[in-house]
Amino acid sequence: MDDGDIVTFKDTLQASFKWINLPPIGVTTNLFPWICWNLWTARNLLTFENRTLSPQEVVLKATRASKEWEMAQPCHRPTPTPPITQRHAVETPSPTTFCNTDASWKSDTKSAGL
């Protein structure tokens, strides 16, 4: 889909993920959804509180919200995976019944549970 094929909001939203934020503003995420959200909240301010925001304020709020969201995301470090240990099945005489259990210990109350 190129920009000439954009006719609906959904098309625009999907196309926006390919857009580059200019000038570089320190945001790596797609700003379009943030701008749309802030346009919506600005509309609500006007409708319900009779307060207006300038276009510059809307874009500034969208940029700030995007930066805050990016900073709040955890770093994506690959978690080390423990080595896989192979368990070999132990041959048991048939018919054998197994009851596998687990327990926990709380040292502060000195109690255990199954």
C-alpha atoms as a PDB file:
ATOM      1  CA  MET A   1       0.000   0.000   0.000  1.00  0.00           C
ATOM      2  CA  ASP A   2       1.425   3.382  -0.926  1.00  0.00           C
ATOM      3  CA  ASP A   3       0.226   6.760   0.322  1.00  0.00           C
ATOM      4  CA  GLY A   4      -2.082   7.076  -2.712  1.00  0.00           C
ATOM      5  CA  ASP A   5      -4.120   4.088  -1.473  1.00  0.00           C
ATOM      6  CA  ILE A   6      -4.975   5.641   1.897  1.00  0.00           C
ATOM      7  CA  VAL A   7      -8.719   6.237   2.088  1.00  0.00           C
ATOM      8  CA  THR A   8      -9.792   5.186   5.589  1.00  0.00           C
ATOM      9  CA  PHE A   9      -8.555   5.812   9.096  1.00  0.00           C
ATOM     10  CA  LYS A  10      -7.543   2.149   9.339  1.00  0.00           C
ATOM     11  CA  ASP A  11      -5.463   2.489   6.150  1.00  0.00           C
ATOM     12  CA  THR A  12      -3.837   5.636   7.517  1.00  0.00           C
ATOM     13  CA  LEU A  13      -3.041   3.986  10.845  1.00  0.00           C
ATOM     14  CA  GLN A  14      -1.492   0.970   9.129  1.00  0.00           C
ATOM     15  CA  ALA A  15       0.523   3.167   6.765  1.00  0.00           C
ATOM     16  CA  SER A  16       1.723   5.363   9.645  1.00  0.00           C
ATOM     17  CA  PHE A  17       3.919   2.575  11.005  1.00  0.00           C
ATOM     18  CA  LYS A  18       6.212   3.106   7.989  1.00  0.00           C
ATOM     19  CA  TRP A  19       6.464   6.867   8.479  1.00  0.00           C
ATOM     20  CA  ILE A  20       9.558   8.500   9.961  1.00  0.00           C
ATOM     21  CA  ASN A  21       9.197  11.219  12.597  1.00  0.00           C
ATOM     22  CA  LEU A  22      10.757  14.438  11.277  1.00  0.00           C
ATOM     23  CA  PRO A  23      12.671  16.242  12.578  1.00  0.00           C
ATOM     24  CA  PRO A  24      14.236  13.658  14.889  1.00  0.00           C
ATOM     25  CA  ILE A  25      12.485  14.354  18.172  1.00  0.00           C
ATOM     26  CA  GLY A  26      13.847  11.547  20.309  1.00  0.00           C
ATOM     27  CA  VAL A  27      10.857   9.260  19.833  1.00  0.00           C
ATOM     28  CA  THR A  28      11.265   5.924  18.119  1.00  0.00           C
ATOM     29  CA  THR A  29       7.605   4.905  18.223  1.00  0.00           C
ATOM     30  CA  ASN A  30       4.898   5.839  15.754  1.00  0.00           C
ATOM     31  CA  LEU A  31       3.521   9.254  16.752  1.00  0.00           C
ATOM     32  CA  PHE A  32       0.333   9.050  14.680  1.00  0.00           C
ATOM     33  CA  PRO A  33      -1.712   7.063  17.259  1.00  0.00           C
ATOM     34  CA  TRP A  34      -0.508   9.423  20.011  1.00  0.00           C
ATOM     35  CA  ILE A  35      -1.555  12.464  17.986  1.00  0.00           C
ATOM     36  CA  CYS A  36      -4.959  10.904  17.296  1.00  0.00           C
ATOM     37  CA  TRP A  37      -5.459  10.179  20.999  1.00  0.00           C
ATOM     38  CA  ASN A  38      -4.505  13.724  21.955  1.00  0.00           C
ATOM     39  CA  LEU A  39      -6.806  15.154  19.280  1.00  0.00           C
ATOM     40  CA  TRP A  40      -9.599  13.089  20.853  1.00  0.00           C
ATOM     41  CA  THR A  41      -8.817  14.297  24.377  1.00  0.00           C
ATOM     42  CA  ALA A  42      -8.548  17.910  23.112  1.00  0.00           C
ATOM     43  CA  ARG A  43     -11.966  17.484  21.500  1.00  0.00           C
ATOM     44  CA  ASN A  44     -13.322  16.209  24.831  1.00  0.00           C
ATOM     45  CA  LEU A  45     -11.834  19.224  26.635  1.00  0.00           C
ATOM     46  CA  LEU A  46     -13.618  21.517  24.195  1.00  0.00           C
ATOM     47  CA  THR A  47     -16.904  19.598  24.337  1.00  0.00           C
ATOM     48  CA  PHE A  48     -17.148  19.006  28.081  1.00  0.00           C
ATOM     49  CA  GLU A  49     -15.042  21.759  29.663  1.00  0.00           C
ATOM     50  CA  ASN A  50     -15.117  24.473  26.983  1.00  0.00           C
ATOM     51  CA  ARG A  51     -11.290  24.527  27.002  1.00  0.00           C
ATOM     52  CA  THR A  52      -9.233  24.673  23.828  1.00  0.00           C
ATOM     53  CA  LEU A  53      -5.746  23.480  22.989  1.00  0.00           C
ATOM     54  CA  SER A  54      -3.726  24.820  20.090  1.00  0.00           C
ATOM     55  CA  PRO A  55      -2.456  22.389  17.446  1.00  0.00           C
ATOM     56  CA  GLN A  56       1.054  22.913  18.837  1.00  0.00           C
ATOM     57  CA  GLU A  57      -0.129  21.943  22.338  1.00  0.00           C
ATOM     58  CA  VAL A  58      -1.806  18.799  20.993  1.00  0.00           C
ATOM     59  CA  VAL A  59       1.363  17.690  19.187  1.00  0.00           C
ATOM     60  CA  LEU A  60       3.547  18.572  22.187  1.00  0.00           C
ATOM     61  CA  LYS A  61       1.311  16.547  24.527  1.00  0.00           C
ATOM     62  CA  ALA A  62       1.381  13.615  22.082  1.00  0.00           C
ATOM     63  CA  THR A  63       5.177  13.752  21.866  1.00  0.00           C
ATOM     64  CA  ARG A  64       5.559  13.925  25.649  1.00  0.00           C
ATOM     65  CA  ALA A  65       3.148  11.038  26.189  1.00  0.00           C
ATOM     66  CA  SER A  66       5.001   8.938  23.618  1.00  0.00           C
ATOM     67  CA  LYS A  67       8.357   9.652  25.274  1.00  0.00           C
ATOM     68  CA  GLU A  68       6.948   8.840  28.726  1.00  0.00           C
ATOM     69  CA  TRP A  69       5.515   5.581  27.423  1.00  0.00           C
ATOM     70  CA  GLU A  70       8.834   4.607  25.804  1.00  0.00           C
ATOM     71  CA  MET A  71      10.741   5.345  29.008  1.00  0.00           C
ATOM     72  CA  ALA A  72       8.283   3.279  31.067  1.00  0.00           C
ATOM     73  CA  GLN A  73       8.804   0.165  28.954  1.00  0.00           C
ATOM     74  CA  PRO A  74      11.177  -2.412  30.415  1.00  0.00           C
ATOM     75  CA  CYS A  75      14.428  -3.036  28.624  1.00  0.00           C
ATOM     76  CA  HIS A  76      14.090  -6.045  26.402  1.00  0.00           C
ATOM     77  CA  ARG A  77      17.081  -8.078  27.447  1.00  0.00           C
ATOM     78  CA  PRO A  78      16.983 -11.703  26.483  1.00  0.00           C
ATOM     79  CA  THR A  79      16.457 -13.790  29.568  1.00  0.00           C
ATOM     80  CA  PRO A  80      18.950 -16.582  29.910  1.00  0.00           C
ATOM     81  CA  THR A  81      17.353 -19.943  29.480  1.00  0.00           C
ATOM     82  CA  PRO A  82      18.375 -22.633  31.907  1.00  0.00           C
ATOM     83  CA  PRO A  83      20.009 -25.661  30.373  1.00  0.00           C
ATOM     84  CA  ILE A  84      17.589 -28.398  29.496  1.00  0.00           C
ATOM     85  CA  THR A  85      18.166 -31.485  31.534  1.00  0.00           C
ATOM     86  CA  GLN A  86      17.211 -34.780  30.060  1.00  0.00           C
ATOM     87  CA  ARG A  87      15.185 -37.016  32.304  1.00  0.00           C
ATOM     88  CA  HIS A  88      15.359 -40.662  31.577  1.00  0.00           C
ATOM     89  CA  ALA A  89      12.294 -42.675  32.304  1.00  0.00           C
ATOM     90  CA  VAL A  90      12.809 -45.180  35.047  1.00  0.00           C
ATOM     91  CA  GLU A  91      11.297 -48.502  34.340  1.00  0.00           C
ATOM     92  CA  THR A  92       8.820 -49.390  37.031  1.00  0.00           C
ATOM     93  CA  PRO A  93       6.912 -52.561  37.470  1.00  0.00           C
ATOM     94  CA  SER A  94       3.356 -52.425  36.265  1.00  0.00           C
ATOM     95  CA  PRO A  95       0.892 -51.670  37.921  1.00  0.00           C
ATOM     96  CA  THR A  96       2.607 -48.830  39.821  1.00  0.00           C
ATOM     97  CA  THR A  97       0.885 -45.719  41.157  1.00  0.00           C
ATOM     98  CA  PHE A  98       2.804 -42.447  41.464  1.00  0.00           C
ATOM     99  CA  CYS A  99       1.927 -39.525  43.676  1.00  0.00           C
ATOM    100  CA  ASN A 100       4.119 -36.518  42.828  1.00  0.00           C
ATOM    101  CA  THR A 101       4.009 -33.719  45.387  1.00  0.00           C
ATOM    102  CA  ASP A 102       5.704 -30.446  46.139  1.00  0.00           C
ATOM    103  CA  ALA A 103       6.062 -28.482  49.339  1.00  0.00           C
ATOM    104  CA  SER A 104       6.928 -24.994  50.462  1.00  0.00           C
ATOM    105  CA  TRP A 105       8.494 -23.617  53.620  1.00  0.00           C
ATOM    106  CA  LYS A 106       7.917 -20.196  55.173  1.00  0.00           C
ATOM    107  CA  SER A 107      10.829 -19.492  57.477  1.00  0.00           C
ATOM    108  CA  ASP A 108       9.170 -16.487  59.154  1.00  0.00           C
ATOM    109  CA  THR A 109       6.195 -18.566  60.378  1.00  0.00           C
ATOM    110  CA  LYS A 110       8.077 -21.863  60.443  1.00  0.00           C
ATOM    111  CA  SER A 111       5.264 -23.567  58.571  1.00  0.00           C
ATOM    112  CA  ALA A 112       5.160 -25.893  55.610  1.00  0.00           C
ATOM    113  CA  GLY A 113       2.499 -26.745  53.111  1.00  0.00           C
ATOM    114  CA  LEU A 114       1.875 -29.323  50.446  1.00  0.00           C
END
